[in-house]
Structure formats: C-alpha cells, structure tokens
C-alpha atoms as a PDB file:
ATOM      1  CA  MET A   1      50.897 -30.504 -25.644  1.00  0.00           C
ATOM      2  CA  THR A   2      52.237 -27.213 -26.952  1.00  0.00           C
ATOM      3  CA  LEU A   3      53.833 -24.372 -25.010  1.00  0.00           C
ATOM      4  CA  GLU A   4      53.077 -21.308 -27.156  1.00  0.00           C
ATOM      5  CA  GLY A   5      56.082 -18.962 -27.332  1.00  0.00           C
ATOM      6  CA  ARG A   6      54.102 -15.985 -28.739  1.00  0.00           C
ATOM      7  CA  GLY A   7      57.053 -15.080 -30.977  1.00  0.00           C
ATOM      8  CA  LEU A   8      59.371 -14.645 -27.965  1.00  0.00           C
ATOM      9  CA  PHE A   9      60.718 -18.194 -28.250  1.00  0.00           C
ATOM     10  CA  PRO A  10      59.898 -21.115 -30.545  1.00  0.00           C
ATOM     11  CA  ASP A  11      56.766 -23.095 -29.618  1.00  0.00           C
ATOM     12  CA  GLN A  12      57.632 -26.343 -27.854  1.00  0.00           C
ATOM     13  CA  THR A  13      55.554 -29.442 -28.473  1.00  0.00           C
ATOM     14  CA  TRP A  14      55.527 -32.781 -26.630  1.00  0.00           C
ATOM     15  CA  GLU A  15      53.574 -35.939 -27.266  1.00  0.00           C
ATOM     16  CA  VAL A  16      52.353 -37.468 -24.013  1.00  0.00           C
ATOM     17  CA  GLU A  17      50.129 -40.493 -23.415  1.00  0.00           C
ATOM     18  CA  ILE A  18      48.712 -40.977 -19.915  1.00  0.00           C
ATOM     19  CA  ALA A  19      45.597 -42.409 -18.285  1.00  0.00           C
ATOM     20  CA  GLY A  20      43.059 -39.866 -17.003  1.00  0.00           C
ATOM     21  CA  LYS A  21      44.081 -40.187 -13.339  1.00  0.00           C
ATOM     22  CA  ASP A  22      47.854 -40.212 -13.941  1.00  0.00           C
ATOM     23  CA  SER A  23      50.332 -37.367 -14.324  1.00  0.00           C
ATOM     24  CA  VAL A  24      53.633 -36.811 -16.075  1.00  0.00           C
ATOM     25  CA  ARG A  25      56.517 -34.361 -15.586  1.00  0.00           C
ATOM     26  CA  LYS A  26      58.577 -32.894 -18.414  1.00  0.00           C
ATOM     27  CA  ASP A  27      61.695 -30.762 -17.953  1.00  0.00           C
ATOM     28  CA  PHE A  28      62.136 -28.027 -20.545  1.00  0.00           C
ATOM     29  CA  THR A  29      64.107 -24.844 -21.108  1.00  0.00           C
ATOM     30  CA  VAL A  30      63.157 -21.610 -22.836  1.00  0.00           C
ATOM     31  CA  ARG A  31      65.432 -18.694 -23.716  1.00  0.00           C
ATOM     32  CA  LEU A  32      63.689 -15.348 -23.423  1.00  0.00           C
ATOM     33  CA  PRO A  33      64.944 -12.254 -25.265  1.00  0.00           C
ATOM     34  CA  GLU A  34      67.548 -10.288 -23.258  1.00  0.00           C
ATOM     35  CA  LYS A  35      65.633  -7.013 -23.503  1.00  0.00           C
ATOM     36  CA  LEU A  36      62.223  -8.370 -22.481  1.00  0.00           C
ATOM     37  CA  ARG A  37      60.348  -5.661 -20.587  1.00  0.00           C
ATOM     38  CA  SER A  38      59.760  -5.984 -16.856  1.00  0.00           C
ATOM     39  CA  ALA A  39      56.344  -7.585 -16.333  1.00  0.00           C
ATOM     40  CA  ARG A  40      54.620 -10.911 -15.836  1.00  0.00           C
ATOM     41  CA  HIS A  41      54.635 -12.802 -19.117  1.00  0.00           C
ATOM     42  CA  VAL A  42      52.077 -15.600 -19.496  1.00  0.00           C
ATOM     43  CA  PHE A  43      52.395 -18.352 -22.096  1.00  0.00           C
ATOM     44  CA  ALA A  44      49.516 -20.729 -22.856  1.00  0.00           C
ATOM     45  CA  VAL A  45      49.918 -24.477 -22.876  1.00  0.00           C
ATOM     46  CA  THR A  46      47.411 -26.247 -25.116  1.00  0.00           C
ATOM     47  CA  SER A  47      46.615 -29.917 -25.068  1.00  0.00           C
ATOM     48  CA  VAL A  48      44.765 -31.906 -27.719  1.00  0.00           C
ATOM     49  CA  ASP A  49      43.264 -35.373 -27.739  1.00  0.00           C
ATOM     50  CA  GLY A  50      42.907 -36.345 -31.374  1.00  0.00           C
ATOM     51  CA  ASP A  51      41.189 -33.341 -32.938  1.00  0.00           C
ATOM     52  CA  ALA A  52      39.670 -32.061 -29.656  1.00  0.00           C
ATOM     53  CA  ILE A  53      41.362 -29.270 -27.690  1.00  0.00           C
ATOM     54  CA  ASP A  54      41.411 -29.818 -23.923  1.00  0.00           C
ATOM     55  CA  GLY A  55      39.666 -26.892 -22.239  1.00  0.00           C
ATOM     56  CA  SER A  56      41.814 -26.864 -19.082  1.00  0.00           C
ATOM     57  CA  ASP A  57      43.678 -23.695 -18.102  1.00  0.00           C
ATOM     58  CA  ALA A  58      47.357 -24.552 -18.364  1.00  0.00           C
ATOM     59  CA  PHE A  59      50.036 -21.889 -18.598  1.00  0.00           C
ATOM     60  CA  LEU A  60      53.601 -20.850 -17.813  1.00  0.00           C
ATOM     61  CA  ALA A  61      54.043 -17.510 -16.054  1.00  0.00           C
ATOM     62  CA  VAL A  62      57.435 -15.767 -15.895  1.00  0.00           C
ATOM     63  CA  ASP A  63      58.049 -12.620 -13.824  1.00  0.00           C
ATOM     64  CA  ILE A  64      60.769 -10.337 -15.215  1.00  0.00           C
ATOM     65  CA  GLY A  65      62.011  -7.726 -12.765  1.00  0.00           C
ATOM     66  CA  PRO A  66      63.789  -4.413 -13.389  1.00  0.00           C
END
C-alpha cells in the first residue's frame, strides 16, 4: 500500500499481507507544510496485489482551516 504525498510529504509505503475477509490497522504520521492553504486536501492510497492495482477507493482527507 502507498499513501501518495503529492509532493507535500514523502510517499509512505507499507507491505501488508491479509486474507480477503480480514483487516489490519497501521499507525502513521505525516508532516504537512506549515503554509499549506486552507482547504480539504485529499491523498490517494493505492494498493497492489502482485502487478495488479486494487481498484478500491482509499484515501486520506485532511481539512486545513484558516
């Protein structure tokens, strides 16, 4: 799995092996730029199985206020 930082923070990648019906939790931290504009910022999370990209919609959304 890769959390894509879009140039705002380094991409973060984790290797996870689970059965189809199971789940896993992973704590992580990102440092956003201090002068990031006020808005909702959405970062894609991609998952691959071998060479195939998982088509699920996974993302991290961060709301930055004024």
